[in-house]
N, C-alpha and C. Protein backbone atom coordinates (compact mmCIF):
# COMPACT_ATOMS: atom_id res chain seq x y z
N UNK A 1 17.47 -24.67 14.77
CA UNK A 1 16.23 -23.97 14.40
C UNK A 1 15.43 -24.84 13.18
N UNK A 2 14.14 -24.99 13.44
CA UNK A 2 13.29 -25.80 12.43
C UNK A 2 13.05 -24.31 10.96
N UNK A 3 12.94 -25.24 9.67
CA UNK A 3 12.37 -24.45 9.04
C UNK A 3 11.50 -23.27 9.19
N UNK A 4 10.13 -23.68 9.96
CA UNK A 4 9.12 -22.90 10.17
C UNK A 4 9.75 -21.96 11.08
N UNK A 5 10.55 -22.07 12.09
CA UNK A 5 10.79 -21.37 13.20
C UNK A 5 11.68 -20.15 12.42
N UNK A 6 12.65 -20.61 11.31
CA UNK A 6 13.44 -19.42 10.73
C UNK A 6 12.63 -18.45 9.78
N UNK A 7 11.17 -19.01 8.99
CA UNK A 7 10.66 -18.35 8.73
C UNK A 7 9.82 -17.10 9.34
N UNK A 8 9.62 -17.60 10.65
CA UNK A 8 8.74 -16.91 11.25
C UNK A 8 9.57 -15.60 11.73
N UNK A 9 10.68 -16.24 12.11
CA UNK A 9 11.82 -14.94 12.68
C UNK A 9 12.06 -14.17 11.55
N UNK A 10 12.18 -14.44 10.64
CA UNK A 10 12.09 -13.49 9.35
C UNK A 10 11.19 -12.60 9.02
N UNK A 11 9.80 -13.45 9.30
CA UNK A 11 8.97 -12.27 8.89
C UNK A 11 8.89 -11.41 10.20
N UNK A 12 9.10 -11.47 11.42
CA UNK A 12 8.93 -10.97 12.42
C UNK A 12 9.90 -9.77 11.88
N UNK A 13 11.13 -10.20 11.83
CA UNK A 13 12.30 -9.03 11.46
C UNK A 13 11.58 -7.98 10.46
N UNK A 14 10.82 -8.51 9.02
CA UNK A 14 10.17 -7.86 8.36
C UNK A 14 9.50 -7.05 9.03
N UNK A 15 8.66 -7.58 9.77
CA UNK A 15 7.87 -6.42 10.47
C UNK A 15 8.53 -5.22 11.03
N UNK A 16 9.45 -5.66 12.23
CA UNK A 16 10.02 -4.70 12.87
C UNK A 16 10.70 -3.64 11.98
N UNK A 17 11.21 -3.78 10.66
CA UNK A 17 11.77 -3.01 9.89
C UNK A 17 11.00 -1.70 9.35
N UNK A 18 9.62 -2.59 8.69
CA UNK A 18 8.97 -1.51 8.12
C UNK A 18 8.33 -0.58 8.99
N UNK A 19 7.74 -1.09 10.50
CA UNK A 19 7.67 0.08 11.14
C UNK A 19 8.65 0.85 11.59
N UNK A 20 10.13 0.25 12.06
CA UNK A 20 10.77 1.43 12.24
C UNK A 20 11.15 2.46 11.04
N UNK A 21 10.84 2.05 9.62
CA UNK A 21 10.87 2.87 8.60
C UNK A 21 9.76 4.15 8.60
N UNK A 22 8.57 3.78 9.20
CA UNK A 22 7.68 5.07 9.23
C UNK A 22 8.47 5.98 10.47
N UNK A 23 8.89 5.35 11.45
CA UNK A 23 9.63 6.91 12.06
C UNK A 23 10.65 7.41 11.32
N UNK A 24 11.47 6.63 10.67
CA UNK A 24 12.65 7.26 9.49
C UNK A 24 11.74 8.09 8.36
N UNK A 25 10.74 7.90 8.40
CA UNK A 25 9.86 8.31 6.90
C UNK A 25 9.40 10.04 7.62
N UNK A 26 9.09 10.22 8.62
CA UNK A 26 8.21 11.07 9.58
C UNK A 26 9.23 12.09 9.66
N UNK A 27 10.96 11.64 9.87
CA UNK A 27 11.83 12.27 10.10
C UNK A 27 12.94 12.48 9.14
N UNK A 28 12.23 12.40 7.59
CA UNK A 28 12.60 12.52 6.64
C UNK A 28 13.98 12.03 6.24
N UNK A 29 14.73 11.07 6.97
CA UNK A 29 15.62 10.47 6.63
C UNK A 29 15.79 9.08 6.05
N UNK A 30 16.79 8.78 5.83
CA UNK A 30 16.87 7.47 4.71
C UNK A 30 17.82 6.60 5.43
N UNK A 31 17.83 5.07 5.21
CA UNK A 31 18.37 4.38 6.07
C UNK A 31 19.54 3.50 5.35
N UNK A 32 20.85 3.52 5.56
CA UNK A 32 21.93 2.67 5.31
C UNK A 32 22.68 3.35 3.72
N UNK A 33 22.40 4.95 3.80
CA UNK A 33 23.09 5.49 2.87
C UNK A 33 24.01 6.55 3.17
N UNK A 34 25.18 5.91 3.31
CA UNK A 34 26.45 6.60 3.82
C UNK A 34 26.61 8.11 3.24
N UNK A 35 27.44 8.98 3.50
CA UNK A 35 28.01 10.15 3.02
C UNK A 35 28.86 9.50 2.01
N UNK A 36 29.02 10.20 0.72
CA UNK A 36 29.51 10.12 -0.79
C UNK A 36 28.79 9.04 -1.55
N UNK A 37 27.52 8.44 -1.09
CA UNK A 37 26.72 7.14 -1.70
C UNK A 37 25.66 7.95 -2.45
N UNK A 38 25.64 7.37 -3.53
CA UNK A 38 24.13 7.96 -4.25
C UNK A 38 23.05 7.09 -4.10
N UNK A 39 21.96 7.70 -3.60
CA UNK A 39 20.63 7.29 -3.48
C UNK A 39 19.77 6.94 -4.75
N UNK A 40 19.51 6.06 -5.12
CA UNK A 40 18.57 5.16 -6.68
C UNK A 40 16.91 5.37 -5.91
N UNK A 41 16.02 6.49 -5.85
CA UNK A 41 14.61 6.55 -5.35
C UNK A 41 14.04 5.11 -6.10
N UNK A 42 12.83 4.78 -5.89
CA UNK A 42 12.34 3.69 -6.72
C UNK A 42 10.77 3.62 -6.37
N UNK A 43 10.57 4.31 -5.03
CA UNK A 43 9.13 4.16 -4.46
C UNK A 43 7.84 5.37 -5.10
N UNK A 44 8.59 5.91 -6.18
CA UNK A 44 7.32 6.65 -6.81
C UNK A 44 6.24 5.67 -7.51
N UNK A 45 6.89 4.88 -7.97
CA UNK A 45 6.23 3.79 -9.20
C UNK A 45 4.84 3.18 -8.17
N UNK A 46 4.67 3.34 -6.89
CA UNK A 46 4.01 2.70 -6.45
C UNK A 46 3.37 3.76 -5.41
N UNK A 47 3.34 4.64 -5.28
CA UNK A 47 2.92 5.79 -4.18
C UNK A 47 1.45 5.99 -4.40
N UNK A 48 1.13 6.36 -5.72
CA UNK A 48 -0.72 6.21 -5.96
C UNK A 48 -1.38 5.38 -5.54
N UNK A 49 -0.75 3.82 -5.94
CA UNK A 49 -1.74 2.71 -5.60
C UNK A 49 -1.19 2.51 -3.88
N UNK A 50 -0.49 2.92 -3.22
CA UNK A 50 -0.57 2.39 -1.58
C UNK A 50 -1.39 3.66 -1.10
N UNK A 51 -1.12 5.11 -1.71
CA UNK A 51 -2.06 6.26 -0.89
C UNK A 51 -3.54 5.71 -0.84
N UNK A 52 -3.47 5.48 -2.36
CA UNK A 52 -5.08 5.13 -2.61
C UNK A 52 -5.85 3.90 -1.53
N UNK A 53 -4.86 2.72 -1.59
CA UNK A 53 -5.19 1.58 -0.67
C UNK A 53 -5.61 2.30 0.95
N UNK A 54 -4.55 2.64 1.16
CA UNK A 54 -4.57 3.54 2.45
C UNK A 54 -6.01 4.17 2.98
N UNK A 55 -6.28 4.93 1.92
CA UNK A 55 -7.30 5.85 1.97
C UNK A 55 -8.73 5.05 2.22
N UNK A 56 -8.96 4.14 1.12
CA UNK A 56 -10.02 3.54 1.12
C UNK A 56 -10.04 2.32 2.35
N UNK A 57 -8.90 2.04 2.79
CA UNK A 57 -8.92 1.49 4.39
C UNK A 57 -9.52 2.61 5.55
N UNK A 58 -8.87 3.45 5.27
CA UNK A 58 -9.65 4.63 6.50
C UNK A 58 -10.85 5.07 6.39
N UNK A 59 -11.49 4.72 5.16
CA UNK A 59 -12.78 4.91 4.96
C UNK A 59 -13.63 3.88 5.47
N UNK A 60 -13.07 2.74 5.36
CA UNK A 60 -13.78 1.72 5.65
C UNK A 60 -13.63 1.31 7.22
N UNK A 61 -12.65 1.64 7.93
CA UNK A 61 -12.38 1.89 9.21
C UNK A 61 -13.89 2.86 9.74
N UNK A 62 -13.68 4.26 9.36
CA UNK A 62 -14.38 4.84 9.59
C UNK A 62 -16.10 4.34 9.89
N UNK A 63 -16.64 3.81 8.48
CA UNK A 63 -17.54 3.26 8.21
C UNK A 63 -17.89 2.17 9.01
N UNK A 64 -17.02 0.95 9.43
CA UNK A 64 -17.21 -0.24 10.40
C UNK A 64 -17.53 0.57 11.80
N UNK A 65 -16.71 1.63 12.36
CA UNK A 65 -16.92 1.86 13.48
C UNK A 65 -18.45 2.38 13.62
N UNK A 66 -19.14 3.37 12.96
CA UNK A 66 -20.26 3.56 13.09
C UNK A 66 -21.60 2.56 12.78
N UNK A 67 -21.04 1.47 11.96
CA UNK A 67 -21.64 0.46 11.88
C UNK A 67 -22.06 -0.93 13.09
N UNK A 68 -20.79 -0.88 13.59
CA UNK A 68 -20.80 -1.67 14.58
C UNK A 68 -21.07 -0.90 16.30
N UNK A 69 -21.40 0.29 16.10
CA UNK A 69 -21.61 1.48 17.12
C UNK A 69 -22.51 0.27 18.41
N UNK A 70 -23.17 -0.55 18.05
CA UNK A 70 -24.27 -1.29 19.23
C UNK A 70 -23.41 -2.43 19.51
N UNK A 71 -22.18 -2.71 18.78
CA UNK A 71 -21.48 -4.00 19.22
C UNK A 71 -20.21 -3.51 19.72
N UNK A 72 -19.84 -2.75 20.38
CA UNK A 72 -18.45 -2.18 21.15
C UNK A 72 -17.23 -3.48 21.28
N UNK A 73 -17.60 -4.36 21.24
CA UNK A 73 -16.26 -5.51 21.24
C UNK A 73 -16.05 -5.76 20.06
N UNK A 74 -16.92 -5.69 19.33
CA UNK A 74 -16.64 -6.31 17.83
C UNK A 74 -15.93 -5.02 17.13
N UNK A 75 -16.57 -3.96 17.44
CA UNK A 75 -16.36 -2.33 17.00
C UNK A 75 -14.80 -2.27 17.38
N UNK A 76 -14.42 -2.46 18.36
CA UNK A 76 -13.07 -2.30 18.91
C UNK A 76 -12.09 -3.33 18.34
N UNK A 77 -12.26 -4.58 18.15
CA UNK A 77 -11.45 -5.74 17.66
C UNK A 77 -11.23 -5.28 15.99
N UNK A 78 -12.17 -4.80 15.31
CA UNK A 78 -12.35 -4.48 13.81
C UNK A 78 -11.54 -2.98 13.94
N UNK A 79 -11.29 -2.38 14.61
CA UNK A 79 -10.54 -0.84 15.22
C UNK A 79 -8.98 -1.20 15.07
N UNK A 80 -8.83 -2.15 15.84
CA UNK A 80 -7.24 -2.11 15.83
C UNK A 80 -6.82 -2.78 14.60
N UNK A 81 -7.58 -4.04 14.03
CA UNK A 81 -7.31 -4.77 12.96
C UNK A 81 -7.22 -3.40 11.74
N UNK A 82 -8.50 -2.62 11.68
CA UNK A 82 -8.16 -1.59 10.18
C UNK A 82 -6.97 -0.68 10.52
N UNK A 83 -6.72 -0.03 11.81
CA UNK A 83 -5.65 0.83 11.94
C UNK A 83 -4.14 0.13 11.50
N UNK A 84 -4.58 -1.14 11.93
CA UNK A 84 -3.06 -1.72 11.80
C UNK A 84 -2.97 -2.01 10.19
N UNK A 85 -3.70 -2.22 9.56
CA UNK A 85 -3.50 -2.38 8.24
C UNK A 85 -3.46 -1.00 7.52
N UNK A 86 -3.98 0.18 7.88
CA UNK A 86 -3.42 1.39 7.41
C UNK A 86 -1.77 1.61 7.61
N UNK A 87 -1.43 1.42 8.72
CA UNK A 87 -0.33 1.36 9.07
C UNK A 87 0.68 0.17 8.24
N UNK A 88 -0.04 -0.23 7.92
CA UNK A 88 0.99 -1.50 7.12
C UNK A 88 1.09 -1.01 6.04
N UNK A 89 -0.04 -0.57 5.48
CA UNK A 89 0.05 -0.10 4.18
C UNK A 89 1.32 1.47 4.09
N UNK A 90 1.05 2.37 4.71
CA UNK A 90 2.02 3.39 4.78
C UNK A 90 3.24 2.70 5.31
N UNK A 91 3.64 1.80 6.21
CA UNK A 91 5.15 1.43 6.51
C UNK A 91 5.31 0.63 5.27
N UNK A 92 4.38 0.16 4.38
CA UNK A 92 5.11 -0.59 3.19
C UNK A 92 6.10 0.41 2.25
N UNK A 93 4.70 1.87 2.13
CA UNK A 93 5.57 2.98 1.37
C UNK A 93 6.72 3.73 1.92
N UNK A 94 6.92 3.61 3.09
CA UNK A 94 7.64 4.16 4.33
C UNK A 94 9.14 3.21 3.71
N UNK A 95 9.03 2.22 3.84
CA UNK A 95 10.09 1.44 3.76
C UNK A 95 10.91 1.50 2.35
N UNK A 96 9.89 1.63 1.34
CA UNK A 96 10.98 2.08 0.29
C UNK A 96 11.04 3.21 -0.18
N UNK A 97 10.49 4.49 1.02
CA UNK A 97 11.19 5.93 0.79
C UNK A 97 12.54 5.71 1.36
N UNK A 98 12.44 5.20 2.67
CA UNK A 98 13.70 5.45 3.79
C UNK A 98 14.64 4.18 3.23
N UNK A 99 14.88 3.44 2.22
CA UNK A 99 15.60 2.17 1.75
C UNK A 99 15.95 2.10 0.45
N UNK A 100 16.31 3.38 -0.28
CA UNK A 100 16.35 3.30 -1.56
C UNK A 100 17.60 2.52 -2.08
N UNK A 101 18.19 2.23 -3.36
CA UNK A 101 19.16 1.56 -3.77
C UNK A 101 20.13 2.41 -3.49
N UNK A 102 21.17 1.70 -3.77
CA UNK A 102 22.50 2.80 -2.84
C UNK A 102 23.38 2.36 -4.23
N UNK A 103 24.14 3.31 -4.72
CA UNK A 103 25.28 3.14 -5.66
C UNK A 103 26.54 3.91 -4.71
N UNK A 104 27.22 2.72 -4.09
CA UNK A 104 28.80 3.18 -3.30
C UNK A 104 29.64 2.83 -4.01
N UNK A 105 30.85 2.85 -2.74
CA UNK A 105 31.94 2.62 -3.43
C UNK A 105 32.26 1.06 -3.66
N UNK A 106 32.19 0.78 -5.01
CA UNK A 106 32.55 -0.94 -5.11
C UNK A 106 31.41 -1.58 -5.13
N UNK A 107 30.30 -1.04 -5.08
CA UNK A 107 28.70 -1.70 -4.68
C UNK A 107 27.60 -1.16 -5.34
N UNK A 108 26.87 -1.89 -5.88
CA UNK A 108 25.50 -1.30 -5.94
C UNK A 108 24.68 -2.18 -5.37
N UNK A 109 23.75 -1.70 -4.17
CA UNK A 109 22.75 -2.41 -3.02
C UNK A 109 21.45 -2.09 -3.65
N UNK A 110 20.87 -3.22 -3.84
CA UNK A 110 19.40 -3.11 -4.30
C UNK A 110 18.36 -3.61 -3.21
N UNK A 111 17.50 -2.87 -3.22
CA UNK A 111 16.38 -3.25 -2.41
C UNK A 111 15.09 -3.43 -2.62
N UNK A 112 14.37 -3.93 -1.68
CA UNK A 112 12.89 -4.19 -1.92
C UNK A 112 12.08 -3.60 -0.98
N UNK A 113 12.15 -2.68 -0.65
CA UNK A 113 11.77 -2.02 0.70
C UNK A 113 12.53 -2.67 1.89
N UNK A 114 11.15 -3.21 2.58
CA UNK A 114 11.86 -3.73 3.82
C UNK A 114 12.18 -5.25 3.67
N UNK A 115 11.87 -5.99 2.57
CA UNK A 115 11.50 -7.13 2.29
C UNK A 115 12.89 -7.99 2.06
N UNK A 116 14.03 -7.22 1.18
CA UNK A 116 14.97 -7.74 0.34
C UNK A 116 16.27 -6.77 0.14
N UNK A 117 17.32 -7.23 0.26
CA UNK A 117 18.55 -6.17 -0.06
C UNK A 117 19.80 -6.98 -0.81
N UNK A 118 20.14 -6.94 -1.62
CA UNK A 118 20.86 -7.48 -2.79
C UNK A 118 22.35 -6.51 -2.93
N UNK A 119 23.05 -7.13 -2.67
CA UNK A 119 24.67 -6.46 -2.66
C UNK A 119 25.77 -7.15 -4.09
N UNK A 120 25.31 -6.32 -4.92
CA UNK A 120 26.11 -6.19 -6.05
C UNK A 120 27.49 -6.08 -6.41
N UNK A 121 28.78 -6.63 -6.16
CA UNK A 121 29.89 -5.74 -6.47
C UNK A 121 30.25 -5.28 -7.82
N UNK A 122 30.49 -4.13 -8.03
CA UNK A 122 30.90 -3.65 -9.31
C UNK A 122 31.46 -4.33 -10.03
N UNK A 123 32.54 -5.25 -9.54
CA UNK A 123 33.07 -5.78 -10.30
C UNK A 123 32.86 -6.85 -11.40
N UNK A 124 31.38 -7.16 -10.59
CA UNK A 124 30.72 -8.27 -11.49
C UNK A 124 29.72 -7.78 -12.21
N UNK A 125 29.29 -6.48 -12.59
CA UNK A 125 28.46 -6.10 -13.61
C UNK A 125 29.08 -5.82 -15.07
N UNK A 126 28.11 -6.78 -16.00
CA UNK A 126 28.74 -6.98 -17.39
C UNK A 126 28.80 -6.12 -17.81
N UNK A 127 27.16 -5.80 -17.78
CA UNK A 127 26.38 -4.45 -18.34
C UNK A 127 24.94 -3.84 -17.67
N UNK A 128 24.80 -2.78 -18.20
CA UNK A 128 23.19 -2.26 -17.32
C UNK A 128 22.70 -1.50 -18.20
N UNK A 129 21.28 -1.43 -18.63
CA UNK A 129 20.82 -0.87 -19.40
C UNK A 129 19.55 -0.59 -19.05
N UNK A 130 18.74 0.42 -19.89
CA UNK A 130 17.14 1.03 -19.39
C UNK A 130 16.51 -0.16 -19.89
N UNK A 131 15.75 -0.87 -19.48
CA UNK A 131 14.98 -1.65 -20.27
C UNK A 131 13.28 -1.68 -19.26
N UNK A 132 12.56 -0.98 -19.85
CA UNK A 132 10.91 -0.85 -19.27
C UNK A 132 10.42 -2.38 -19.54
N UNK A 133 10.21 -2.80 -18.31
CA UNK A 133 9.00 -4.10 -18.18
C UNK A 133 8.32 -4.09 -17.37
N UNK A 134 7.02 -4.88 -17.83
CA UNK A 134 5.84 -4.78 -17.03
C UNK A 134 5.69 -6.39 -16.63
N UNK A 135 5.41 -6.80 -15.42
CA UNK A 135 4.71 -7.98 -15.12
C UNK A 135 3.88 -8.14 -13.78
N UNK A 136 3.06 -8.97 -14.12
CA UNK A 136 2.12 -9.33 -13.14
C UNK A 136 2.41 -10.17 -11.92
N UNK A 137 3.53 -10.86 -11.61
CA UNK A 137 3.75 -11.77 -11.06
C UNK A 137 5.60 -11.65 -10.47
N UNK A 138 5.79 -10.67 -10.09
CA UNK A 138 7.41 -10.55 -10.06
C UNK A 138 7.96 -11.17 -8.96
N UNK A 139 6.99 -11.69 -8.17
CA UNK A 139 7.93 -12.42 -7.05
C UNK A 139 8.14 -14.17 -7.51
N UNK A 140 7.60 -14.28 -8.38
CA UNK A 140 7.67 -16.00 -8.96
C UNK A 140 8.57 -15.99 -10.35
N UNK A 141 9.19 -15.11 -10.59
CA UNK A 141 10.26 -14.81 -11.92
C UNK A 141 11.56 -15.46 -11.34
N UNK A 142 12.43 -16.33 -11.75
CA UNK A 142 13.73 -15.58 -11.95
C UNK A 142 14.67 -17.14 -11.04
N UNK A 143 14.02 -18.16 -10.17
CA UNK A 143 15.03 -19.16 -9.88
C UNK A 143 15.30 -20.29 -10.94
N UNK A 144 14.77 -20.20 -12.15
CA UNK A 144 14.58 -21.25 -13.13
C UNK A 144 15.71 -20.61 -14.14
N UNK A 145 15.34 -19.52 -14.70
CA UNK A 145 16.21 -18.63 -15.69
C UNK A 145 17.59 -17.73 -15.12
N UNK A 146 17.42 -18.15 -13.87
CA UNK A 146 18.70 -17.04 -13.28
C UNK A 146 18.17 -15.27 -13.33
N UNK A 147 17.13 -15.24 -13.48
CA UNK A 147 16.38 -14.03 -13.57
C UNK A 147 15.98 -13.35 -12.25
N UNK A 148 16.23 -12.52 -11.75
CA UNK A 148 15.91 -11.91 -10.47
C UNK A 148 15.03 -10.60 -10.92
N UNK A 149 13.55 -10.45 -10.49
CA UNK A 149 13.09 -9.47 -11.14
C UNK A 149 12.35 -8.99 -9.86
N UNK A 150 13.00 -7.60 -9.45
CA UNK A 150 12.57 -6.46 -8.34
C UNK A 150 11.81 -5.33 -8.44
N UNK A 151 10.32 -5.84 -8.96
CA UNK A 151 9.49 -5.10 -9.63
C UNK A 151 8.78 -4.16 -8.47
N UNK A 152 8.65 -2.85 -8.86
CA UNK A 152 7.80 -2.25 -8.19
C UNK A 152 7.01 -1.35 -8.97
N UNK A 153 5.60 -1.69 -8.51
CA UNK A 153 4.01 -1.29 -9.12
C UNK A 153 4.20 -2.04 -10.41
N UNK A 154 4.61 -3.53 -10.33
CA UNK A 154 4.57 -4.13 -11.44
C UNK A 154 5.41 -3.99 -12.75
N UNK A 155 6.53 -3.06 -11.96
CA UNK A 155 7.42 -2.82 -13.42
C UNK A 155 9.10 -2.88 -13.04
N UNK A 156 9.77 -2.79 -14.27
CA UNK A 156 11.31 -2.70 -13.75
C UNK A 156 11.50 -2.10 -14.90
N UNK A 157 12.61 -1.10 -14.87
CA UNK A 157 12.99 -0.32 -15.56
C UNK A 157 14.43 -0.43 -15.83
N UNK A 158 15.35 -1.15 -15.02
CA UNK A 158 16.91 -1.49 -15.44
C UNK A 158 17.17 -2.73 -15.13
N UNK A 159 18.16 -3.04 -16.07
CA UNK A 159 18.38 -4.82 -16.22
C UNK A 159 20.14 -4.75 -16.04
N UNK A 160 20.87 -5.43 -15.18
CA UNK A 160 22.10 -5.90 -15.03
C UNK A 160 22.72 -7.23 -15.20
N UNK A 161 23.32 -7.06 -15.93
CA UNK A 161 23.81 -8.28 -16.36
C UNK A 161 25.06 -9.00 -15.95
N UNK A 162 25.09 -9.90 -14.99
CA UNK A 162 26.79 -10.18 -14.49
C UNK A 162 27.85 -11.31 -14.81
N UNK A 163 28.95 -11.02 -14.93
CA UNK A 163 29.72 -11.88 -15.10
C UNK A 163 29.76 -13.21 -14.32
N UNK A 164 29.71 -13.08 -13.02
CA UNK A 164 29.51 -14.46 -12.17
C UNK A 164 28.12 -13.77 -11.56
N UNK A 165 27.58 -15.25 -10.74
CA UNK A 165 26.29 -15.69 -10.30
C UNK A 165 26.13 -14.50 -8.66
N UNK A 166 25.20 -14.23 -8.07
CA UNK A 166 24.94 -13.98 -6.99
C UNK A 166 24.08 -14.70 -6.38
N UNK A 167 23.69 -14.84 -5.13
CA UNK A 167 22.48 -15.63 -4.44
C UNK A 167 21.58 -14.67 -4.11
N UNK A 168 20.60 -14.74 -4.33
CA UNK A 168 19.55 -13.82 -3.41
C UNK A 168 18.71 -14.59 -2.45
N UNK A 169 18.22 -14.04 -1.33
CA UNK A 169 17.85 -14.65 -0.61
C UNK A 169 16.58 -13.52 -0.03
N UNK A 170 15.40 -14.55 -0.47
CA UNK A 170 13.63 -14.24 -0.22
C UNK A 170 13.51 -13.71 1.43
N UNK A 171 12.68 -13.34 1.30
CA UNK A 171 12.10 -12.55 2.66
C UNK A 171 11.84 -14.45 3.05
N UNK A 172 11.22 -15.16 2.82
CA UNK A 172 11.17 -16.58 3.42
C UNK A 172 12.31 -17.25 3.97
N UNK A 173 13.49 -16.58 3.42
CA UNK A 173 14.62 -17.70 3.44
C UNK A 173 14.94 -18.36 2.35
N UNK A 174 14.19 -18.51 1.16
CA UNK A 174 14.35 -19.09 -0.12
C UNK A 174 15.84 -18.84 -0.62
N UNK A 175 16.72 -19.41 -1.41
CA UNK A 175 17.52 -18.80 -1.95
C UNK A 175 17.90 -19.05 -3.51
N UNK A 176 18.21 -18.14 -4.36
CA UNK A 176 18.31 -18.37 -5.68
C UNK A 176 19.35 -17.75 -6.32
N UNK A 177 19.65 -18.47 -7.27
CA UNK A 177 21.44 -17.81 -7.86
C UNK A 177 20.73 -17.41 -9.20
N UNK A 178 21.35 -16.32 -9.13
CA UNK A 178 21.02 -15.20 -10.14
C UNK A 178 21.99 -14.47 -11.16
N UNK A 179 21.60 -14.70 -12.20
CA UNK A 179 23.08 -13.78 -13.38
C UNK A 179 22.25 -12.63 -14.12
N UNK A 180 21.27 -12.63 -13.58
CA UNK A 180 20.64 -11.12 -14.49
C UNK A 180 19.44 -10.63 -13.28
N UNK A 181 19.93 -9.25 -12.91
CA UNK A 181 19.13 -8.50 -12.24
C UNK A 181 18.23 -7.30 -12.85
N UNK A 182 17.02 -7.62 -12.33
CA UNK A 182 16.03 -6.22 -13.17
C UNK A 182 15.43 -6.00 -11.83
N UNK A 183 15.48 -4.84 -12.11
CA UNK A 183 14.90 -3.62 -11.04
C UNK A 183 14.44 -2.41 -11.37
N UNK A 184 13.43 -1.38 -10.44
CA UNK A 184 13.08 -0.23 -10.93
C UNK A 184 13.82 0.93 -10.11
N UNK A 185 13.87 1.82 -10.93
CA UNK A 185 14.45 3.40 -10.16
C UNK A 185 13.50 4.23 -10.85
N UNK A 186 13.29 5.26 -10.46
CA UNK A 186 12.45 6.50 -10.65
C UNK A 186 12.87 7.02 -11.77
N UNK A 187 14.40 7.51 -11.84
CA UNK A 187 15.23 8.06 -12.66
C UNK A 187 16.10 6.78 -13.21
N UNK A 188 14.98 5.71 -14.09
CA UNK A 188 15.91 4.94 -14.60
C UNK A 188 17.09 5.24 -15.56
N UNK A 189 17.16 6.16 -16.59
CA UNK A 189 18.05 6.44 -17.24
C UNK A 189 19.48 6.69 -16.46
N UNK A 190 18.91 7.89 -15.44
CA UNK A 190 19.82 8.62 -14.56
C UNK A 190 20.71 7.44 -13.71
N UNK A 191 20.04 6.16 -13.32
CA UNK A 191 20.35 5.16 -12.58
C UNK A 191 21.55 4.44 -13.45
N UNK A 192 20.87 4.17 -14.65
CA UNK A 192 22.16 3.64 -15.27
C UNK A 192 23.04 4.62 -15.74
N UNK A 193 23.07 5.72 -16.35
CA UNK A 193 24.73 6.40 -16.58
C UNK A 193 25.21 6.40 -15.14
N UNK A 194 24.88 6.53 -13.79
CA UNK A 194 25.36 6.55 -12.50
C UNK A 194 26.37 5.04 -12.66
N UNK A 195 25.56 3.86 -12.62
CA UNK A 195 26.42 2.67 -12.35
C UNK A 195 27.30 2.75 -13.75
N UNK A 196 27.18 2.96 -14.94
CA UNK A 196 28.04 2.59 -16.17
C UNK A 196 29.34 3.73 -15.68
N UNK A 197 28.93 4.92 -14.99
CA UNK A 197 30.04 5.78 -14.74
C UNK A 197 30.88 4.89 -13.53
N UNK A 198 29.87 4.34 -12.59
CA UNK A 198 30.73 3.67 -11.62
C UNK A 198 31.54 2.75 -12.04
N UNK A 199 31.33 1.54 -12.56
CA UNK A 199 31.75 0.60 -13.14
C UNK A 199 32.92 0.62 -14.00
N UNK A 200 33.18 2.07 -14.72
CA UNK A 200 34.14 2.55 -16.00
C UNK A 200 34.93 3.23 -15.09
N UNK A 201 34.87 3.63 -13.94
CA UNK A 201 35.77 4.64 -13.03
C UNK A 201 37.08 3.84 -12.71
N UNK A 202 38.21 4.33 -12.82
CA UNK A 202 39.60 3.51 -12.70
C UNK A 202 39.29 3.25 -11.10
N UNK A 203 39.57 1.67 -10.56
CA UNK A 203 39.51 1.40 -9.64
C UNK A 203 38.31 1.59 -8.84
N UNK A 204 37.14 1.41 -9.83
CA UNK A 204 36.08 1.20 -9.09
C UNK A 204 35.75 -0.06 -8.30
N UNK A 205 36.15 -1.28 -9.02
CA UNK A 205 36.21 -2.46 -8.07
C UNK A 205 36.89 -2.71 -6.88
N UNK A 206 38.13 -1.59 -6.57
CA UNK A 206 38.50 -1.83 -5.72
C UNK A 206 38.15 -1.86 -4.22
N UNK A 207 36.68 -1.55 -4.26
CA UNK A 207 36.25 -1.10 -2.86
C UNK A 207 35.00 -2.44 -3.08
N UNK A 208 35.03 -3.23 -3.75
CA UNK A 208 33.90 -4.35 -4.25
C UNK A 208 33.81 -4.96 -3.02
N UNK A 209 32.87 -6.12 -2.62
CA UNK A 209 32.96 -6.90 -1.68
C UNK A 209 33.65 -8.49 -2.03
N UNK A 210 33.94 -9.06 -1.40
CA UNK A 210 34.75 -10.41 -1.90
C UNK A 210 33.95 -11.13 -1.54
N UNK A 211 33.50 -12.55 -2.43
CA UNK A 211 32.83 -13.29 -2.40
C UNK A 211 30.89 -12.78 -2.44
N UNK A 212 30.09 -13.31 -2.73
CA UNK A 212 28.86 -13.66 -2.71
C UNK A 212 28.50 -12.55 -1.39
N UNK A 213 27.98 -11.34 -1.70
CA UNK A 213 27.32 -10.59 -0.56
C UNK A 213 25.95 -9.95 -1.06
N UNK A 214 24.98 -11.15 -0.39
CA UNK A 214 23.73 -10.95 -0.53
C UNK A 214 22.95 -11.19 0.80
N UNK A 215 22.72 -10.21 0.94
CA UNK A 215 21.94 -10.08 2.60
C UNK A 215 20.30 -10.05 2.59
N UNK A 216 19.89 -10.16 3.55
CA UNK A 216 18.63 -9.36 4.30
C UNK A 216 18.72 -8.21 4.53
N UNK A 217 17.58 -7.44 4.53
CA UNK A 217 18.06 -6.10 5.31
C UNK A 217 17.62 -5.77 6.10
């Protein structure tokens, strides 16, 4: 498969994931959170922005429907495009709500909605701390200095330092070797305390995954 073909396949899979997330969101269920695992939500930081954009798109849809009343073909095309845009906005939020970060047995699973999923064995975590940062270009950080930023609403609030690097895979398939991961959690201090407790617990690393465990969600 060519590189462009692989990228298209990944983008199509991403499309399917956020569409599925809409159904899980309506059902008030979460994806990939097993019994006994702790979900660490992060969708709150972007909720106001996403709902605001969705509302603007909905108003635009209604306005265009009236303005294009005498051009039924153009009106129908714009209606489909606008409805899809609104669904995409809601799907973006739905993916974040239904795919929270997960602290499980021996592994911390970090997610960026339907775009990325990163598994870090607890045994590789050297330190974790509350660390509020704001960034304008979250997706452009990381490759050069070994820092991966999984920002939500333009911010990260938890920093994890690793004893050994892991390989993160972007939505396009681009791989990055990282030693520091910055992510956001709505209850950042609670997330830090939970991860510290998990790494300090006897036998915490026993359930860790062997080797690099980073995969696309």
